[in-house]
Protein backbone atom coordinates (compact mmCIF):
# COMPACT_ATOMS: atom_id res chain seq x y z
CA UNK A 1 14.44 17.32 -5.46
CA UNK A 2 12.13 15.02 -7.41
CA UNK A 3 11.11 16.52 -10.74
CA UNK A 4 9.46 13.54 -12.41
CA UNK A 5 8.00 10.18 -11.37
CA UNK A 6 7.20 7.55 -13.99
CA UNK A 7 4.62 4.88 -13.16
CA UNK A 8 4.81 1.58 -15.00
CA UNK A 9 1.41 0.11 -14.22
CA UNK A 10 -1.86 1.92 -13.71
CA UNK A 11 -3.86 -0.20 -11.29
CA UNK A 12 -5.50 0.67 -7.99
CA UNK A 13 -2.23 0.97 -6.02
CA UNK A 14 -0.64 3.21 -8.64
CA UNK A 15 -3.75 5.38 -8.56
CA UNK A 16 -3.73 5.53 -4.76
CA UNK A 17 -0.11 6.68 -4.70
CA UNK A 18 -0.44 9.27 -7.44
CA UNK A 19 -3.65 10.58 -5.90
CA UNK A 20 -1.92 10.94 -2.56
CA UNK A 21 1.05 12.75 -4.11
CA UNK A 22 -1.21 15.16 -5.98
CA UNK A 23 -3.60 15.73 -3.07
CA UNK A 24 -0.72 16.36 -0.66
CA UNK A 25 1.07 18.52 -3.28
CA UNK A 26 4.25 16.43 -3.15
CA UNK A 27 4.30 16.73 -6.94
CA UNK A 28 2.12 18.51 -9.44
CA UNK A 29 0.10 16.47 -11.92
CA UNK A 30 2.45 17.57 -14.72
CA UNK A 31 5.36 15.82 -12.98
CA UNK A 32 3.66 12.41 -12.92
CA UNK A 33 3.81 10.19 -16.01
CA UNK A 34 1.97 6.88 -16.35
CA UNK A 35 2.08 3.98 -18.79
CA UNK A 36 0.69 0.46 -18.86
CA UNK A 37 0.75 -2.55 -21.13
CA UNK A 38 -2.17 -1.77 -23.44
CA UNK A 39 -5.18 -0.42 -21.55
CA UNK A 40 -5.54 3.04 -23.07
CA UNK A 41 -8.99 3.56 -21.55
CA UNK A 42 -7.46 3.24 -18.08
CA UNK A 43 -4.81 5.79 -18.95
CA UNK A 44 -7.46 8.20 -20.21
CA UNK A 45 -9.38 7.72 -16.97
CA UNK A 46 -6.35 8.64 -14.86
CA UNK A 47 -5.48 11.60 -17.09
CA UNK A 48 -9.02 12.94 -16.75
CA UNK A 49 -9.25 12.33 -13.02
CA UNK A 50 -5.82 13.59 -11.90
CA UNK A 51 -4.51 15.50 -14.94
CA UNK A 52 -1.37 13.33 -14.94
CA UNK A 53 0.56 12.70 -18.15
CA UNK A 54 -0.17 9.33 -19.75
CA UNK A 55 1.27 7.59 -22.79
CA UNK A 56 1.99 4.19 -24.29
CA UNK A 57 5.28 5.65 -25.51
CA UNK A 58 7.72 4.20 -22.95
CA UNK A 59 10.51 6.57 -24.00
CA UNK A 60 8.38 9.61 -23.22
CA UNK A 61 7.27 8.24 -19.88
CA UNK A 62 10.70 7.15 -18.61
CA UNK A 63 12.89 9.89 -20.08
CA UNK A 64 14.46 12.07 -17.35
CA UNK A 65 12.40 10.43 -14.60
CA UNK A 66 14.04 10.63 -11.18
CA UNK A 67 11.97 7.70 -9.96
CA UNK A 68 10.56 4.80 -11.95
CA UNK A 69 7.80 3.11 -10.00
CA UNK A 70 6.73 -0.41 -10.93
CA UNK A 71 3.10 -0.89 -9.91
CA UNK A 72 1.92 -3.85 -11.98
CA UNK A 73 0.41 -7.13 -10.86
CA UNK A 74 3.16 -9.60 -9.83
CA UNK A 75 2.54 -11.84 -12.82
CA UNK A 76 2.79 -8.87 -15.22
CA UNK A 77 6.07 -7.50 -13.87
CA UNK A 78 8.55 -9.40 -16.01
CA UNK A 79 6.71 -8.41 -19.18
CA UNK A 80 6.56 -4.79 -18.00
CA UNK A 81 10.29 -4.75 -17.28
CA UNK A 82 11.01 -6.16 -20.74
CA UNK A 83 8.96 -3.33 -22.24
CA UNK A 84 10.93 -0.56 -20.51
CA UNK A 85 14.35 -1.88 -19.46
CA UNK A 86 16.20 -0.39 -22.43
CA UNK A 87 15.01 3.07 -21.34
CA UNK A 88 15.99 2.66 -17.67
CA UNK A 89 19.24 4.36 -16.69
CA UNK A 90 21.51 3.62 -13.74
CA UNK A 91 20.98 7.07 -12.25
CA UNK A 92 17.25 6.44 -11.82
CA UNK A 93 15.79 5.11 -8.60
CA UNK A 94 13.52 2.11 -9.10
CA UNK A 95 10.72 1.67 -6.57
CA UNK A 96 8.53 -1.42 -6.59
CA UNK A 97 5.12 -1.55 -4.94
CA UNK A 98 4.57 -5.16 -6.01
CA UNK A 99 3.83 -7.82 -3.41
CA UNK A 100 6.28 -10.66 -3.05
CA UNK A 101 8.87 -9.58 -5.64
CA UNK A 102 12.48 -9.10 -4.51
CA UNK A 103 14.77 -6.22 -5.41
CA UNK A 104 17.30 -8.71 -6.81
CA UNK A 105 14.73 -10.08 -9.25
CA UNK A 106 13.95 -6.60 -10.56
CA UNK A 107 17.61 -5.61 -10.87
CA UNK A 108 18.48 -8.83 -12.69
CA UNK A 109 15.59 -8.51 -15.14
CA UNK A 110 16.50 -4.89 -15.90
CA UNK A 111 20.07 -6.06 -16.47
CA UNK A 112 21.77 -2.98 -15.02
CA UNK A 113 23.24 -1.98 -11.66
CA UNK A 114 20.21 0.08 -10.72
CA UNK A 115 19.16 1.09 -7.23
CA UNK A 116 15.94 -0.69 -6.31
CA UNK A 117 13.74 -0.05 -3.30
CA UNK A 118 10.93 -2.40 -2.42
CA UNK A 119 7.86 -0.87 -0.83
CA UNK A 120 4.51 -1.96 0.48
CA UNK A 121 2.01 0.88 0.85
CA UNK A 122 -1.72 0.36 1.13
CA UNK A 123 -4.70 1.92 -0.58
CA UNK A 124 -5.21 4.49 2.19
CA UNK A 125 -2.49 6.36 0.29
CA UNK A 126 -5.35 7.93 -1.68
CA UNK A 127 -6.25 10.12 1.31
CA UNK A 128 -2.74 10.46 2.73
CA UNK A 129 -3.05 7.75 5.39
CA UNK A 130 -1.03 4.86 3.99
CA UNK A 131 1.10 2.71 6.28
CA UNK A 132 4.12 2.07 4.06
CA UNK A 133 7.19 -0.07 4.67
CA UNK A 134 10.30 0.23 2.50
CA UNK A 135 13.47 -1.83 2.13
CA UNK A 136 16.56 -1.19 0.04
CA UNK A 137 18.16 -3.50 -2.47
CA UNK A 138 21.84 -4.10 -3.24
CA UNK A 139 22.69 -0.85 -5.00
CA UNK A 140 20.31 1.45 -3.12
CA UNK A 141 21.97 3.96 -0.80
CA UNK A 142 20.88 5.72 2.36
CA UNK A 143 20.20 8.74 0.13
CA UNK A 144 17.83 6.61 -1.95
CA UNK A 145 16.04 5.42 1.17
CA UNK A 146 15.72 9.04 2.33
CA UNK A 147 14.18 9.98 -1.02
CA UNK A 148 11.73 7.08 -0.84
CA UNK A 149 10.84 8.06 2.73
CA UNK A 150 10.14 11.61 1.55
CA UNK A 151 7.91 10.35 -1.26
CA UNK A 152 5.88 7.95 0.87
CA UNK A 153 5.68 10.40 3.78
CA UNK A 154 3.53 12.49 1.44
CA UNK A 155 0.91 9.73 1.55
CA UNK A 156 1.15 8.53 5.17
CA UNK A 157 3.64 7.00 7.60
CA UNK A 158 6.84 5.22 6.54
CA UNK A 159 8.75 2.41 8.23
CA UNK A 160 12.16 1.19 7.06
CA UNK A 161 12.57 -2.58 7.40
CA UNK A 162 14.86 -5.34 6.19
CA UNK A 163 13.77 -6.86 2.90
CA UNK A 164 13.10 -10.29 4.41
CA UNK A 165 10.46 -8.65 6.61
CA UNK A 166 8.43 -7.39 3.65
CA UNK A 167 6.32 -10.55 3.44
CA UNK A 168 4.89 -10.08 6.94
CA UNK A 169 4.48 -6.35 6.23
CA UNK A 170 2.36 -7.34 3.24
CA UNK A 171 0.24 -9.60 5.41
CA UNK A 172 -0.26 -6.92 8.07
CA UNK A 173 -0.47 -3.43 6.57
CA UNK A 174 -0.53 -4.13 2.84
CA UNK A 175 -3.65 -6.24 3.11
CA UNK A 176 -4.77 -4.76 6.43
CA UNK A 177 -7.34 -2.24 5.15
CA UNK A 178 -9.36 -5.10 3.64
CA UNK A 179 -9.48 -6.83 7.03
CA UNK A 180 -10.85 -3.67 8.62
CA UNK A 181 -13.42 -3.20 5.85
CA UNK A 182 -14.51 -6.83 6.25
CA UNK A 183 -15.06 -6.27 9.99
CA UNK A 184 -16.99 -3.06 9.28
CA UNK A 185 -19.18 -4.88 6.74
CA UNK A 186 -20.05 -7.47 9.37
CA UNK A 187 -20.77 -4.80 12.00
CA UNK A 188 -22.99 -2.86 9.56
CA UNK A 189 -24.95 -5.99 8.75
CA UNK A 190 -25.36 -6.81 12.44
CA UNK A 191 -26.55 -3.26 13.13
CA UNK A 192 -29.17 -3.46 10.37
CA UNK A 193 -30.27 -6.90 11.55
CA UNK A 194 -31.08 -5.27 14.88
CA UNK A 195 -33.01 -2.35 13.45
CA UNK A 196 -30.57 0.44 12.59
CA UNK A 197 -30.69 1.92 9.11
CA UNK A 198 -27.54 1.58 7.02
CA UNK A 199 -26.63 5.28 7.01
CA UNK A 200 -26.78 5.54 10.80
CA UNK A 201 -24.90 2.27 11.22
CA UNK A 202 -22.15 3.42 8.85
CA UNK A 203 -21.77 6.77 10.59
CA UNK A 204 -21.52 5.21 14.04
CA UNK A 205 -19.13 2.45 12.98
CA UNK A 206 -16.93 4.73 10.88
CA UNK A 207 -16.46 7.18 13.72
CA UNK A 208 -15.80 4.31 16.12
CA UNK A 209 -12.99 3.04 13.87
CA UNK A 210 -11.57 6.56 13.44
CA UNK A 211 -11.70 7.19 17.19
CA UNK A 212 -10.03 3.87 18.00
CA UNK A 213 -7.32 4.65 15.45
CA UNK A 214 -6.59 8.01 17.03
CA UNK A 215 -6.51 6.39 20.47
CA UNK A 216 -3.97 3.86 19.22
CA UNK A 217 -1.91 6.68 17.73
CA UNK A 218 -1.94 8.95 20.77
CA UNK A 219 -2.20 6.71 23.83
CA UNK A 220 0.92 5.62 25.67
CA UNK A 221 -0.72 2.51 27.10
CA UNK A 222 -0.40 -0.90 25.41
CA UNK A 223 -3.30 -1.85 23.17
CA UNK A 224 -4.37 -4.52 25.68
CA UNK A 225 -4.78 -1.79 28.31
CA UNK A 226 -6.93 0.26 25.92
CA UNK A 227 -9.16 -2.78 25.41
CA UNK A 228 -9.36 -3.43 29.15
CA UNK A 229 -10.27 0.19 29.83
CA UNK A 230 -13.38 -0.22 27.67
CA UNK A 231 -14.34 -3.56 29.20
CA UNK A 232 -16.29 -3.37 32.46
CA UNK A 233 -16.73 -6.71 34.26
CA UNK A 234 -20.01 -8.36 33.23
CA UNK A 235 -20.80 -5.40 30.99
CA UNK A 236 -21.88 -5.15 27.37
CA UNK A 237 -18.34 -4.99 25.95
CA UNK A 238 -17.33 -8.04 27.97
CA UNK A 239 -20.31 -9.94 26.59
CA UNK A 240 -19.31 -9.06 23.04
CA UNK A 241 -15.66 -9.94 23.57
CA UNK A 242 -16.62 -13.25 25.19
CA UNK A 243 -18.42 -14.11 21.97
CA UNK A 244 -15.37 -13.26 19.85
CA UNK A 245 -13.25 -15.41 22.17
CA UNK A 246 -15.66 -18.31 21.84
CA UNK A 247 -15.21 -18.13 18.07
CA UNK A 248 -11.41 -18.00 18.54
CA UNK A 249 -11.24 -14.56 16.94
CA UNK A 250 -7.54 -14.08 17.75
CA UNK A 251 -6.71 -17.40 16.07
CA UNK A 252 -8.70 -16.40 13.00
CA UNK A 253 -6.74 -13.15 12.75
CA UNK A 254 -3.45 -15.01 13.20
CA UNK A 255 -4.39 -17.43 10.42
CA UNK A 256 -5.52 -14.55 8.20
CA UNK A 257 -2.17 -12.78 8.52
CA UNK A 258 -0.22 -16.02 8.18
CA UNK A 259 -1.98 -16.96 4.95
CA UNK A 260 -1.52 -13.50 3.44
CA UNK A 261 2.17 -13.64 4.39
CA UNK A 262 2.47 -17.13 2.91
CA UNK A 263 0.92 -15.92 -0.33
CA UNK A 264 3.43 -13.08 -0.50
CA UNK A 265 6.25 -15.62 -0.19
CA UNK A 266 4.64 -17.75 -2.89
CA UNK A 267 4.53 -14.78 -5.24
CA UNK A 268 8.23 -14.30 -4.60
CA UNK A 269 9.00 -17.97 -5.21
CA UNK A 270 7.36 -17.67 -8.64
CA UNK A 271 10.11 -15.22 -9.72
């Protein structure tokens, strides 16, 4: 049973995860401790919003933590590890939510034979709908993976993958919500250009995305069949899809994912 989780890093992903854990009652606010490099205003904001425990005292934050979660920016990780590594113990499970950074890098910088699990959730964790992938490092056990699955299941779905697959996971589900929001922005603007007010456009588009998501979740048919079922020959949907095809929409998506995946690899190569 997890009694305490210590967050090292207090950015948007850390907030999304702690919000999901609190909202889904995986842990109480009193069981979540947070620290960061020097931004005390950010810590006060999280303490006020979620009633979690915050401190710049690394000993207080890490002491007796079952899980230490690194949630910094990639370029801040090494400094963060240096700040806390003397307080990390080998019986703690280390979970990273940092894009591109390997479990070996984290273990080596800590300088102890700690169990490290690499994860890639997304910001939908805030409302319990994250798509999270996890992979275990050298000293992590099946028990550690089971614990990480339990934690991330509190904020959405969990997939266990090999660590070398985490870059593509980052390009698909880690960054994926932003792709959807970008599409919705464009649809909202198109709706307003053709006379709908923003509130009506948002309501219609939001429910369309939610409905399509539930169809994807529940339907047994391949996604191509779902698309074909909506597309009558020479109908309105066909006309819209023909336009996307003319702009090579599928190629644009492929390039989008490829570049995000490439960037994840680049972040790892900077280790």
